[in-house]
């Protein structure tokens, strides 16, 4: 009697399952992958049939992973890392990886990740890093003005490949030589403000807050606060290293915004780009996790 052979597990099916697990829904996964919800559901279904058991079980909040699903997720995540490493070494040169990587970083983030970018450049001296601070890195990536973007968003950016780097705390700060109390005078962002920041201002700034100055960069925002222009929401990972800045409400409930690394879904990364993607993702994730621990 001839034995039945099991169908091979395809990486592409794992990739769809991984996207669902990362984004939390079929719809969000479809947006991240640039396909519709039905396609995502179908590919996950193929994977479940290949595995011979359910990986996702619906519940009131969307779904939860089964025990097998958690095991498959761990393997899929490792495979994603391995494929990234393979892509990075696929095009070697006599002196190592070479090329140019264009990185768009949200102007609200200032120099938060410059050290990480320089560290990558030191590891790969033949790679040129072009770093531009822009109001919306996601738009820069979607318009092919940048290979990657690092920015702020409540959810995975639509129609882009995206990786959640972590969350960063924001709080209201004033100059230390001013009385650290609630103020009706604020320093705000111009129309270039990241949407997540704008939503935060609408929800948490006092209704009668008066915005005295509007700026469009981290350096200008910090300098306006230090000059006595008012209070402002600042990234704690940057503001806490400035001795002349103090939190207005040090015991207030903590608030966090999500940071994402993005690339265009239709562009295949070359060796330099893939190496930069993997390096920056790991470094920035570790940095954000460390800042989170320090703030607890």
Protein backbone atom coordinates (compact mmCIF):
# COMPACT_ATOMS: atom_id res chain seq x y z
CA UNK A 1 0.00 0.00 0.00
CA UNK A 2 1.47 3.35 -1.03
CA UNK A 3 2.13 5.82 1.76
CA UNK A 4 0.55 9.23 1.54
CA UNK A 5 3.13 12.00 1.70
CA UNK A 6 2.37 15.17 3.54
CA UNK A 7 2.24 18.38 1.56
CA UNK A 8 5.30 20.58 2.01
CA UNK A 9 4.93 23.65 4.18
CA UNK A 10 5.49 26.73 2.04
CA UNK A 11 7.27 29.81 3.35
CA UNK A 12 4.76 32.03 1.56
CA UNK A 13 1.91 30.53 3.62
CA UNK A 14 3.95 31.04 6.79
CA UNK A 15 4.53 34.64 5.76
CA UNK A 16 0.79 35.29 5.63
CA UNK A 17 0.27 33.60 9.00
CA UNK A 18 3.11 35.65 10.47
CA UNK A 19 1.54 38.86 9.19
CA UNK A 20 -1.78 38.00 10.85
CA UNK A 21 -0.07 37.22 14.14
CA UNK A 22 1.88 40.50 13.99
CA UNK A 23 -0.95 42.81 12.99
CA UNK A 24 -3.78 41.16 14.94
CA UNK A 25 -6.29 40.66 12.12
CA UNK A 26 -6.73 39.35 8.58
CA UNK A 27 -7.68 42.83 7.40
CA UNK A 28 -4.59 44.51 8.85
CA UNK A 29 -2.38 41.72 7.53
CA UNK A 30 -3.86 42.16 4.07
CA UNK A 31 -3.11 45.88 4.19
CA UNK A 32 0.47 45.22 5.26
CA UNK A 33 0.95 42.66 2.47
CA UNK A 34 -0.95 44.59 -0.17
CA UNK A 35 -3.65 41.96 -0.69
CA UNK A 36 -7.29 41.60 0.34
CA UNK A 37 -8.56 39.93 3.50
CA UNK A 38 -9.87 36.90 1.60
CA UNK A 39 -6.43 36.09 0.22
CA UNK A 40 -4.90 36.21 3.70
CA UNK A 41 -7.63 33.98 5.13
CA UNK A 42 -7.22 31.50 2.27
CA UNK A 43 -3.45 31.23 2.68
CA UNK A 44 -3.72 30.76 6.44
CA UNK A 45 -6.34 28.08 5.78
CA UNK A 46 -3.93 26.29 3.44
CA UNK A 47 -1.28 26.34 6.16
CA UNK A 48 -3.71 24.96 8.74
CA UNK A 49 -4.71 22.12 6.42
CA UNK A 50 -1.05 21.37 5.77
CA UNK A 51 -0.35 21.31 9.51
CA UNK A 52 -3.47 19.26 10.15
CA UNK A 53 -4.82 21.46 12.92
CA UNK A 54 -6.08 24.95 13.73
CA UNK A 55 -3.53 27.69 14.37
CA UNK A 56 -5.94 30.56 15.05
CA UNK A 57 -9.21 30.39 17.00
CA UNK A 58 -11.73 33.28 16.77
CA UNK A 59 -12.82 35.03 19.96
CA UNK A 60 -14.57 38.26 20.96
CA UNK A 61 -11.36 40.26 20.46
CA UNK A 62 -10.43 38.77 17.09
CA UNK A 63 -8.55 35.52 17.60
CA UNK A 64 -6.04 33.74 19.81
CA UNK A 65 -3.22 31.40 18.88
CA UNK A 66 -3.55 27.71 19.67
CA UNK A 67 -0.60 25.88 21.25
CA UNK A 68 0.43 24.71 17.79
CA UNK A 69 -0.09 28.21 16.47
CA UNK A 70 2.35 29.61 19.02
CA UNK A 71 4.93 27.01 18.05
CA UNK A 72 4.49 27.73 14.35
CA UNK A 73 4.75 31.48 15.02
CA UNK A 74 8.08 31.03 16.78
CA UNK A 75 9.45 28.99 13.86
CA UNK A 76 8.08 31.44 11.27
CA UNK A 77 9.70 34.37 13.06
CA UNK A 78 13.07 32.60 13.03
CA UNK A 79 12.65 31.77 9.35
CA UNK A 80 11.94 35.42 8.60
CA UNK A 81 15.19 36.40 10.29
CA UNK A 82 17.13 33.71 8.41
CA UNK A 83 15.74 34.75 5.02
CA UNK A 84 16.76 38.31 5.85
CA UNK A 85 20.32 37.24 6.62
CA UNK A 86 20.50 35.19 3.42
CA UNK A 87 19.31 38.15 1.38
CA UNK A 88 21.93 40.34 3.03
CA UNK A 89 24.80 38.05 2.01
CA UNK A 90 23.43 37.20 -1.42
CA UNK A 91 25.33 40.01 -3.17
CA UNK A 92 28.81 40.15 -1.61
CA UNK A 93 31.61 42.33 -2.92
CA UNK A 94 35.35 41.92 -2.48
CA UNK A 95 35.23 44.32 0.48
CA UNK A 96 31.82 43.42 1.94
CA UNK A 97 28.30 44.72 1.35
CA UNK A 98 28.16 47.96 -0.61
CA UNK A 99 25.47 50.35 -1.79
CA UNK A 100 23.32 53.28 -0.71
CA UNK A 101 20.43 53.16 1.74
CA UNK A 102 17.99 56.08 1.87
CA UNK A 103 16.38 56.42 5.30
CA UNK A 104 13.53 58.80 6.11
CA UNK A 105 13.11 59.52 9.83
CA UNK A 106 10.26 61.43 11.43
CA UNK A 107 11.36 64.98 12.28
CA UNK A 108 9.72 64.48 15.67
CA UNK A 109 12.36 61.88 16.59
CA UNK A 110 15.33 64.22 16.37
CA UNK A 111 18.63 62.37 16.80
CA UNK A 112 17.12 59.44 18.71
CA UNK A 113 18.58 56.78 16.41
CA UNK A 114 21.63 58.46 14.90
CA UNK A 115 23.97 56.34 17.03
CA UNK A 116 22.37 53.17 15.65
CA UNK A 117 22.67 54.40 12.07
CA UNK A 118 26.34 55.25 12.60
CA UNK A 119 26.93 51.84 14.22
CA UNK A 120 25.57 50.15 11.08
CA UNK A 121 27.81 52.29 8.90
CA UNK A 122 30.83 51.30 10.99
CA UNK A 123 30.00 47.63 10.52
CA UNK A 124 29.51 48.07 6.76
CA UNK A 125 31.90 50.87 5.70
CA UNK A 126 31.08 50.47 2.00
CA UNK A 127 27.42 51.34 2.56
CA UNK A 128 26.40 54.99 2.26
CA UNK A 129 23.51 56.02 4.56
CA UNK A 130 21.41 58.94 3.34
CA UNK A 131 19.32 60.12 6.30
CA UNK A 132 16.57 62.71 5.87
CA UNK A 133 14.25 64.04 8.54
CA UNK A 134 10.76 64.44 7.12
CA UNK A 135 7.28 65.13 8.44
CA UNK A 136 5.90 61.76 7.26
CA UNK A 137 8.40 58.95 6.54
CA UNK A 138 5.59 56.65 5.37
CA UNK A 139 4.74 59.01 2.50
CA UNK A 140 8.43 59.29 1.59
CA UNK A 141 8.63 55.48 1.34
CA UNK A 142 5.37 55.11 -0.61
CA UNK A 143 6.57 57.72 -3.12
CA UNK A 144 9.96 55.94 -3.46
CA UNK A 145 11.82 58.96 -2.06
CA UNK A 146 13.24 56.69 0.65
CA UNK A 147 14.05 52.98 0.91
CA UNK A 148 13.01 52.80 4.57
CA UNK A 149 11.10 54.97 6.99
CA UNK A 150 11.09 55.23 10.78
CA UNK A 151 7.97 56.92 12.05
CA UNK A 152 5.03 57.07 14.41
CA UNK A 153 1.69 55.39 13.76
CA UNK A 154 -1.15 53.91 15.81
CA UNK A 155 -1.22 50.82 13.58
CA UNK A 156 0.77 49.12 10.83
CA UNK A 157 1.01 51.60 7.93
CA UNK A 158 -1.20 50.63 4.99
CA UNK A 159 0.29 49.24 1.77
CA UNK A 160 3.83 49.11 3.17
CA UNK A 161 5.98 46.36 4.58
CA UNK A 162 6.22 47.26 8.23
CA UNK A 163 7.86 46.05 11.42
CA UNK A 164 6.83 47.23 14.86
CA UNK A 165 9.98 48.48 16.58
CA UNK A 166 8.33 49.05 19.93
CA UNK A 167 6.69 51.86 21.84
CA UNK A 168 8.19 55.08 23.18
CA UNK A 169 6.88 57.10 26.10
CA UNK A 170 5.81 60.73 25.75
CA UNK A 171 5.16 63.18 28.58
CA UNK A 172 4.67 66.92 29.10
CA UNK A 173 7.88 68.85 29.88
CA UNK A 174 8.83 72.38 30.83
CA UNK A 175 12.11 74.17 31.40
CA UNK A 176 13.58 73.39 34.82
CA UNK A 177 13.96 77.09 35.60
CA UNK A 178 10.19 77.51 35.30
CA UNK A 179 7.76 76.36 37.95
CA UNK A 180 6.95 72.72 36.95
CA UNK A 181 3.18 72.99 37.02
CA UNK A 182 0.27 72.77 34.64
CA UNK A 183 0.40 75.60 32.13
CA UNK A 184 -2.11 77.07 29.72
CA UNK A 185 0.72 78.03 27.37
CA UNK A 186 1.91 75.23 25.09
CA UNK A 187 4.45 74.83 22.33
CA UNK A 188 2.90 72.82 19.52
CA UNK A 189 3.65 71.30 16.16
CA UNK A 190 2.90 72.90 12.82
CA UNK A 191 0.71 71.15 10.26
CA UNK A 192 3.59 68.69 9.77
CA UNK A 193 2.87 67.12 13.16
CA UNK A 194 2.73 63.29 13.09
CA UNK A 195 -0.92 62.19 13.32
CA UNK A 196 -0.27 60.15 16.46
CA UNK A 197 1.12 63.25 18.16
CA UNK A 198 -1.83 65.33 16.96
CA UNK A 199 -4.28 62.79 18.39
CA UNK A 200 -2.40 62.87 21.70
CA UNK A 201 -2.58 66.68 21.85
CA UNK A 202 -6.32 66.66 21.16
CA UNK A 203 -6.98 64.07 23.86
CA UNK A 204 -4.67 65.23 26.65
CA UNK A 205 -3.95 68.94 26.23
CA UNK A 206 -6.25 71.18 28.32
CA UNK A 207 -9.29 72.47 26.45
CA UNK A 208 -8.24 76.06 27.16
CA UNK A 209 -4.59 75.49 26.23
CA UNK A 210 -3.05 78.36 24.30
CA UNK A 211 -0.44 77.37 21.72
CA UNK A 212 2.12 80.18 21.68
CA UNK A 213 4.52 78.71 19.13
CA UNK A 214 4.32 76.06 16.40
CA UNK A 215 7.40 74.27 15.09
CA UNK A 216 8.17 71.33 12.80
CA UNK A 217 11.27 69.67 14.29
CA UNK A 218 12.39 68.09 17.54
CA UNK A 219 15.28 70.55 17.99
CA UNK A 220 13.00 73.56 17.56
CA UNK A 221 10.41 72.10 19.93
CA UNK A 222 13.02 71.42 22.62
CA UNK A 223 14.61 74.84 22.19
CA UNK A 224 11.22 76.60 22.44
CA UNK A 225 10.48 74.83 25.73
CA UNK A 226 13.95 75.58 27.14
CA UNK A 227 13.49 79.23 26.17
CA UNK A 228 10.35 79.49 28.29
CA UNK A 229 7.91 79.38 25.40
CA UNK A 230 5.61 76.96 27.25
CA UNK A 231 5.20 73.27 27.93
CA UNK A 232 5.14 70.54 25.27
CA UNK A 233 4.81 66.77 24.85
CA UNK A 234 8.29 65.34 24.28
CA UNK A 235 9.79 61.89 23.81
CA UNK A 236 10.98 60.79 27.25
CA UNK A 237 13.95 58.88 25.79
CA UNK A 238 15.26 62.23 24.50
CA UNK A 239 13.96 64.73 27.05
CA UNK A 240 15.08 62.78 30.12
CA UNK A 241 18.72 63.14 29.07
CA UNK A 242 18.38 66.93 29.11
CA UNK A 243 19.05 68.25 32.66
CA UNK A 244 17.27 71.52 31.91
CA UNK A 245 13.97 69.78 31.13
CA UNK A 246 11.58 68.44 33.79
CA UNK A 247 8.30 66.56 33.61
CA UNK A 248 5.31 68.70 34.46
CA UNK A 249 3.33 65.74 35.80
CA UNK A 250 5.95 63.20 36.97
CA UNK A 251 3.34 60.91 38.54
CA UNK A 252 0.78 61.06 35.75
CA UNK A 253 -0.36 57.98 33.84
CA UNK A 254 2.22 56.98 31.26
CA UNK A 255 1.45 57.29 27.56
CA UNK A 256 3.19 55.52 24.68
CA UNK A 257 3.23 55.80 20.88
CA UNK A 258 4.22 53.02 18.48
CA UNK A 259 7.28 53.34 16.22
CA UNK A 260 7.49 51.47 12.91
CA UNK A 261 10.17 50.57 10.40
CA UNK A 262 8.70 50.52 6.89
CA UNK A 263 9.68 49.77 3.32
CA UNK A 264 7.83 49.72 -0.01
CA UNK A 265 6.13 46.37 -0.55
CA UNK A 266 6.85 46.29 -4.32
CA UNK A 267 10.61 46.78 -4.03
CA UNK A 268 12.97 43.86 -3.50
CA UNK A 269 15.72 44.84 -1.10
CA UNK A 270 19.33 44.58 -2.19
CA UNK A 271 22.05 43.31 0.14
CA UNK A 272 22.83 46.70 1.66
CA UNK A 273 19.18 47.48 2.27
CA UNK A 274 18.44 44.10 3.83
CA UNK A 275 21.48 44.34 6.08
CA UNK A 276 20.40 47.82 7.22
CA UNK A 277 16.81 46.65 7.80
CA UNK A 278 17.88 43.75 10.01
CA UNK A 279 20.53 45.72 11.91
CA UNK A 280 18.37 48.76 12.64
CA UNK A 281 15.36 46.65 13.59
CA UNK A 282 17.36 44.72 16.18
CA UNK A 283 19.22 47.76 17.55
CA UNK A 284 16.19 50.02 17.83
CA UNK A 285 13.99 47.30 19.32
CA UNK A 286 16.63 46.71 22.00
CA UNK A 287 16.96 50.44 22.66
CA UNK A 288 13.21 50.96 23.03
CA UNK A 289 12.88 47.90 25.26
CA UNK A 290 15.71 49.22 27.43
CA UNK A 291 14.17 52.70 27.66
CA UNK A 292 10.86 51.09 28.62
CA UNK A 293 12.51 49.17 31.45
CA UNK A 294 14.28 52.28 32.74
CA UNK A 295 11.00 54.15 32.84
CA UNK A 296 9.21 51.56 34.97
